[in-house]
Amino acid sequence: MQLAEAIAELAGKTGRTVAVAESLTGGKIASYLAAAPSAGTWFRGAVVAYARDVKTSVLDVPDCPVVSETCARHMASNVGKLLGADMALGVTGEGGPEPQEDVPPGTVWFASSTPWGIFAELHDYDGDPGEIVDCAVVQGLRILIDKLKEDRDAQDDEERQG
């Protein structure tokens, strides 16, 4: 919950709104954000797109592997547009216990959509499906914190220069 509270504080300072598109994490990131202070002012909402057809029809993900950088980038970008958020996170991965599309369990793609670009990163986790999901939730929240901090720092630099 401390991570979500940090997001709330940073979103309040920067005036940014946040949305998430979740697959592997099944809405857990959204539940933390919704419970954070003043969420009604900065949290725009979430799309839990667990099934491939939901990713393609709701989030306009192209025909590509669902556990991929391309999928994560489209999820982040399109949920931001769909929900009118300044910052958005997309998370897709394989929790296991079996591989999917030749992707081993523990493979997780994250993408963040910001006013200055879309960024993606790959993480590999060990553990059972529940442990992998928990790791992905924490990392997703950390990514949002990092992007909001970058935004805050850029705003601070503009104020000092202006």
C-alpha atoms as a PDB file:
ATOM      1  CA  MET A   1       0.000   0.000   0.000  1.00  0.00           C
ATOM      2  CA  GLN A   2       2.969   2.338   0.582  1.00  0.00           C
ATOM      3  CA  LEU A   3       3.768   2.224  -3.128  1.00  0.00           C
ATOM      4  CA  ALA A   4       0.223   3.242  -4.048  1.00  0.00           C
ATOM      5  CA  GLU A   5       0.359   6.058  -1.493  1.00  0.00           C
ATOM      6  CA  ALA A   6       3.577   7.307  -3.101  1.00  0.00           C
ATOM      7  CA  ILE A   7       1.820   7.271  -6.477  1.00  0.00           C
ATOM      8  CA  ALA A   8      -1.068   9.252  -4.994  1.00  0.00           C
ATOM      9  CA  GLU A   9       1.311  11.859  -3.586  1.00  0.00           C
ATOM     10  CA  LEU A  10       3.258  12.200  -6.847  1.00  0.00           C
ATOM     11  CA  ALA A  11       0.121  12.330  -8.988  1.00  0.00           C
ATOM     12  CA  GLY A  12      -1.204  15.077  -6.726  1.00  0.00           C
ATOM     13  CA  LYS A  13       2.020  17.080  -7.003  1.00  0.00           C
ATOM     14  CA  THR A  14       2.307  16.711 -10.771  1.00  0.00           C
ATOM     15  CA  GLY A  15      -1.384  16.982 -11.586  1.00  0.00           C
ATOM     16  CA  ARG A  16      -1.155  13.803 -13.680  1.00  0.00           C
ATOM     17  CA  THR A  17      -3.856  11.184 -14.065  1.00  0.00           C
ATOM     18  CA  VAL A  18      -3.147   7.453 -14.165  1.00  0.00           C
ATOM     19  CA  ALA A  19      -4.731   4.395 -15.818  1.00  0.00           C
ATOM     20  CA  VAL A  20      -3.699   0.755 -16.042  1.00  0.00           C
ATOM     21  CA  ALA A  21      -4.269  -2.151 -18.415  1.00  0.00           C
ATOM     22  CA  GLU A  22      -3.690  -5.468 -16.726  1.00  0.00           C
ATOM     23  CA  SER A  23      -3.555  -9.015 -17.945  1.00  0.00           C
ATOM     24  CA  LEU A  24      -1.366 -11.222 -15.748  1.00  0.00           C
ATOM     25  CA  THR A  25      -2.028  -9.144 -12.617  1.00  0.00           C
ATOM     26  CA  GLY A  26      -5.800  -9.430 -13.009  1.00  0.00           C
ATOM     27  CA  GLY A  27      -6.725  -6.053 -11.537  1.00  0.00           C
ATOM     28  CA  LYS A  28      -4.505  -6.175  -8.463  1.00  0.00           C
ATOM     29  CA  ILE A  29      -2.615  -3.022  -9.438  1.00  0.00           C
ATOM     30  CA  ALA A  30      -5.899  -1.182  -9.939  1.00  0.00           C
ATOM     31  CA  SER A  31      -7.163  -2.304  -6.542  1.00  0.00           C
ATOM     32  CA  TYR A  32      -4.124  -0.784  -4.826  1.00  0.00           C
ATOM     33  CA  LEU A  33      -4.458   2.451  -6.779  1.00  0.00           C
ATOM     34  CA  ALA A  34      -8.191   2.725  -6.075  1.00  0.00           C
ATOM     35  CA  ALA A  35      -7.540   2.399  -2.339  1.00  0.00           C
ATOM     36  CA  ALA A  36      -4.845   5.112  -2.298  1.00  0.00           C
ATOM     37  CA  PRO A  37      -5.525   8.621  -0.948  1.00  0.00           C
ATOM     38  CA  SER A  38      -7.545  10.940  -3.206  1.00  0.00           C
ATOM     39  CA  ALA A  39      -7.737   8.274  -5.929  1.00  0.00           C
ATOM     40  CA  GLY A  40     -10.874   9.915  -7.290  1.00  0.00           C
ATOM     41  CA  THR A  41      -8.819  12.912  -8.396  1.00  0.00           C
ATOM     42  CA  TRP A  42      -5.980  11.154 -10.228  1.00  0.00           C
ATOM     43  CA  PHE A  43      -6.880   7.482 -10.891  1.00  0.00           C
ATOM     44  CA  ARG A  44      -8.877   7.253 -14.119  1.00  0.00           C
ATOM     45  CA  GLY A  45      -9.463   3.498 -13.948  1.00  0.00           C
ATOM     46  CA  ALA A  46      -8.346   0.202 -15.408  1.00  0.00           C
ATOM     47  CA  VAL A  47      -9.059  -2.421 -17.996  1.00  0.00           C
ATOM     48  CA  VAL A  48      -8.434  -6.021 -17.007  1.00  0.00           C
ATOM     49  CA  ALA A  49      -7.844  -7.658 -20.361  1.00  0.00           C
ATOM     50  CA  TYR A  50      -7.024 -11.232 -19.475  1.00  0.00           C
ATOM     51  CA  ALA A  51      -8.340 -12.870 -22.648  1.00  0.00           C
ATOM     52  CA  ARG A  52      -6.663 -12.319 -26.014  1.00  0.00           C
ATOM     53  CA  ASP A  53      -9.904 -11.165 -27.659  1.00  0.00           C
ATOM     54  CA  VAL A  54     -10.381  -8.518 -24.961  1.00  0.00           C
ATOM     55  CA  LYS A  55      -6.880  -7.218 -25.605  1.00  0.00           C
ATOM     56  CA  THR A  56      -7.573  -6.977 -29.328  1.00  0.00           C
ATOM     57  CA  SER A  57     -11.147  -5.660 -29.217  1.00  0.00           C
ATOM     58  CA  VAL A  58     -11.000  -3.279 -26.239  1.00  0.00           C
ATOM     59  CA  LEU A  59      -7.342  -2.217 -26.235  1.00  0.00           C
ATOM     60  CA  ASP A  60      -6.708  -2.498 -29.979  1.00  0.00           C
ATOM     61  CA  VAL A  61      -3.710  -4.800 -29.520  1.00  0.00           C
ATOM     62  CA  PRO A  62      -2.597  -6.100 -32.934  1.00  0.00           C
ATOM     63  CA  ASP A  63      -2.308  -9.768 -33.808  1.00  0.00           C
ATOM     64  CA  CYS A  64       0.905 -10.518 -31.940  1.00  0.00           C
ATOM     65  CA  PRO A  65       2.035 -12.728 -29.085  1.00  0.00           C
ATOM     66  CA  VAL A  66       0.179 -11.605 -25.944  1.00  0.00           C
ATOM     67  CA  VAL A  67       3.316 -11.861 -23.819  1.00  0.00           C
ATOM     68  CA  SER A  68       5.400  -9.403 -25.791  1.00  0.00           C
ATOM     69  CA  GLU A  69       6.731  -5.883 -25.838  1.00  0.00           C
ATOM     70  CA  THR A  70       4.350  -4.998 -28.662  1.00  0.00           C
ATOM     71  CA  CYS A  71       1.329  -6.128 -26.665  1.00  0.00           C
ATOM     72  CA  ALA A  72       2.414  -4.280 -23.504  1.00  0.00           C
ATOM     73  CA  ARG A  73       3.062  -1.061 -25.435  1.00  0.00           C
ATOM     74  CA  HIS A  74      -0.356  -1.151 -27.097  1.00  0.00           C
ATOM     75  CA  MET A  75      -2.047  -1.948 -23.794  1.00  0.00           C
ATOM     76  CA  ALA A  76      -0.428   1.054 -22.080  1.00  0.00           C
ATOM     77  CA  SER A  77      -0.929   3.503 -24.913  1.00  0.00           C
ATOM     78  CA  ASN A  78      -4.505   2.536 -25.656  1.00  0.00           C
ATOM     79  CA  VAL A  79      -5.760   2.348 -22.073  1.00  0.00           C
ATOM     80  CA  GLY A  80      -4.397   5.857 -21.578  1.00  0.00           C
ATOM     81  CA  LYS A  81      -6.338   7.077 -24.606  1.00  0.00           C
ATOM     82  CA  LEU A  82      -9.455   5.089 -23.735  1.00  0.00           C
ATOM     83  CA  LEU A  83      -9.632   6.406 -20.166  1.00  0.00           C
ATOM     84  CA  GLY A  84      -8.181   9.871 -20.764  1.00  0.00           C
ATOM     85  CA  ALA A  85      -5.113   9.448 -18.557  1.00  0.00           C
ATOM     86  CA  ASP A  86      -1.786  11.293 -18.746  1.00  0.00           C
ATOM     87  CA  MET A  87       0.188   8.252 -17.576  1.00  0.00           C
ATOM     88  CA  ALA A  88      -0.685   4.620 -18.199  1.00  0.00           C
ATOM     89  CA  LEU A  89       0.756   1.209 -17.436  1.00  0.00           C
ATOM     90  CA  GLY A  90       0.321  -2.021 -19.380  1.00  0.00           C
ATOM     91  CA  VAL A  91       1.239  -5.395 -17.885  1.00  0.00           C
ATOM     92  CA  THR A  92       1.210  -8.742 -19.666  1.00  0.00           C
ATOM     93  CA  GLY A  93       3.003 -11.928 -18.775  1.00  0.00           C
ATOM     94  CA  GLU A  94       3.022 -15.633 -18.189  1.00  0.00           C
ATOM     95  CA  GLY A  95       2.459 -16.813 -14.626  1.00  0.00           C
ATOM     96  CA  GLY A  96       2.627 -20.506 -15.382  1.00  0.00           C
ATOM     97  CA  PRO A  97       2.827 -23.197 -14.410  1.00  0.00           C
ATOM     98  CA  GLU A  98       3.092 -24.052 -18.136  1.00  0.00           C
ATOM     99  CA  PRO A  99       4.652 -21.954 -20.917  1.00  0.00           C
ATOM    100  CA  GLN A 100       2.350 -20.008 -23.252  1.00  0.00           C
ATOM    101  CA  GLU A 101       3.297 -19.263 -26.866  1.00  0.00           C
ATOM    102  CA  ASP A 102       6.764 -20.680 -26.077  1.00  0.00           C
ATOM    103  CA  VAL A 103       7.187 -18.042 -23.338  1.00  0.00           C
ATOM    104  CA  PRO A 104       8.412 -19.487 -20.045  1.00  0.00           C
ATOM    105  CA  PRO A 105       6.553 -18.845 -16.786  1.00  0.00           C
ATOM    106  CA  GLY A 106       7.790 -15.738 -15.007  1.00  0.00           C
ATOM    107  CA  THR A 107       8.169 -13.672 -18.194  1.00  0.00           C
ATOM    108  CA  VAL A 108       6.492 -10.289 -17.721  1.00  0.00           C
ATOM    109  CA  TRP A 109       6.396  -7.279 -20.033  1.00  0.00           C
ATOM    110  CA  PHE A 110       5.621  -3.818 -18.650  1.00  0.00           C
ATOM    111  CA  ALA A 111       5.019  -0.693 -20.671  1.00  0.00           C
ATOM    112  CA  SER A 112       4.405   2.847 -19.497  1.00  0.00           C
ATOM    113  CA  SER A 113       2.808   5.517 -21.621  1.00  0.00           C
ATOM    114  CA  THR A 114       3.767   9.059 -20.643  1.00  0.00           C
ATOM    115  CA  PRO A 115       3.483  12.501 -22.226  1.00  0.00           C
ATOM    116  CA  TRP A 116       7.109  12.118 -23.379  1.00  0.00           C
ATOM    117  CA  GLY A 117       6.946   8.598 -24.818  1.00  0.00           C
ATOM    118  CA  ILE A 118       6.201   4.926 -24.357  1.00  0.00           C
ATOM    119  CA  PHE A 119       8.708   2.782 -22.518  1.00  0.00           C
ATOM    120  CA  ALA A 120       8.864  -0.997 -22.138  1.00  0.00           C
ATOM    121  CA  GLU A 121      10.827  -3.342 -19.965  1.00  0.00           C
ATOM    122  CA  LEU A 122      11.055  -7.093 -19.569  1.00  0.00           C
ATOM    123  CA  HIS A 123      11.337  -8.856 -16.213  1.00  0.00           C
ATOM    124  CA  ASP A 124      11.738 -12.535 -15.414  1.00  0.00           C
ATOM    125  CA  TYR A 125      10.520 -13.866 -12.066  1.00  0.00           C
ATOM    126  CA  ASP A 126      10.838 -17.213 -10.329  1.00  0.00           C
ATOM    127  CA  GLY A 127       8.150 -18.849  -8.267  1.00  0.00           C
ATOM    128  CA  ASP A 128       4.659 -20.211  -8.467  1.00  0.00           C
ATOM    129  CA  PRO A 129       1.956 -18.272 -10.337  1.00  0.00           C
ATOM    130  CA  GLY A 130       0.882 -16.335  -7.231  1.00  0.00           C
ATOM    131  CA  GLU A 131       4.433 -15.253  -6.467  1.00  0.00           C
ATOM    132  CA  ILE A 132       4.979 -14.151 -10.054  1.00  0.00           C
ATOM    133  CA  VAL A 133       1.790 -12.059  -9.965  1.00  0.00           C
ATOM    134  CA  ASP A 134       2.834 -10.459  -6.662  1.00  0.00           C
ATOM    135  CA  CYS A 135       6.247  -9.549  -8.092  1.00  0.00           C
ATOM    136  CA  ALA A 136       4.598  -8.062 -11.181  1.00  0.00           C
ATOM    137  CA  VAL A 137       2.209  -5.965  -9.066  1.00  0.00           C
ATOM    138  CA  VAL A 138       5.081  -4.478  -7.071  1.00  0.00           C
ATOM    139  CA  GLN A 139       7.136  -3.795 -10.199  1.00  0.00           C
ATOM    140  CA  GLY A 140       4.180  -2.191 -11.956  1.00  0.00           C
ATOM    141  CA  LEU A 141       3.636   0.177  -9.037  1.00  0.00           C
ATOM    142  CA  ARG A 142       7.365   0.987  -8.956  1.00  0.00           C
ATOM    143  CA  ILE A 143       7.328   1.833 -12.656  1.00  0.00           C
ATOM    144  CA  LEU A 144       4.470   4.269 -12.111  1.00  0.00           C
ATOM    145  CA  ILE A 145       6.400   5.869  -9.247  1.00  0.00           C
ATOM    146  CA  ASP A 146       9.523   6.199 -11.395  1.00  0.00           C
ATOM    147  CA  LYS A 147       7.637   7.822 -14.284  1.00  0.00           C
ATOM    148  CA  LEU A 148       5.796  10.214 -11.965  1.00  0.00           C
ATOM    149  CA  LYS A 149       9.113  11.153 -10.319  1.00  0.00           C
ATOM    150  CA  GLU A 150      10.635  11.861 -13.736  1.00  0.00           C
ATOM    151  CA  ASP A 151       7.655  14.078 -14.477  1.00  0.00           C
ATOM    152  CA  ARG A 152       7.929  15.878 -11.134  1.00  0.00           C
ATOM    153  CA  ASP A 153      11.634  16.482 -11.661  1.00  0.00           C
ATOM    154  CA  ALA A 154      11.003  17.843 -15.179  1.00  0.00           C
ATOM    155  CA  GLN A 155       8.315  20.171 -13.809  1.00  0.00           C
ATOM    156  CA  ASP A 156      10.708  21.336 -11.063  1.00  0.00           C
ATOM    157  CA  ASP A 157      13.427  22.017 -13.671  1.00  0.00           C
ATOM    158  CA  GLU A 158      10.977  24.066 -15.754  1.00  0.00           C
ATOM    159  CA  GLU A 159      10.011  26.147 -12.705  1.00  0.00           C
ATOM    160  CA  ARG A 160      13.675  26.828 -11.855  1.00  0.00           C
ATOM    161  CA  GLN A 161      14.423  27.851 -15.441  1.00  0.00           C
ATOM    162  CA  GLY A 162      11.214  29.825 -15.966  1.00  0.00           C
END
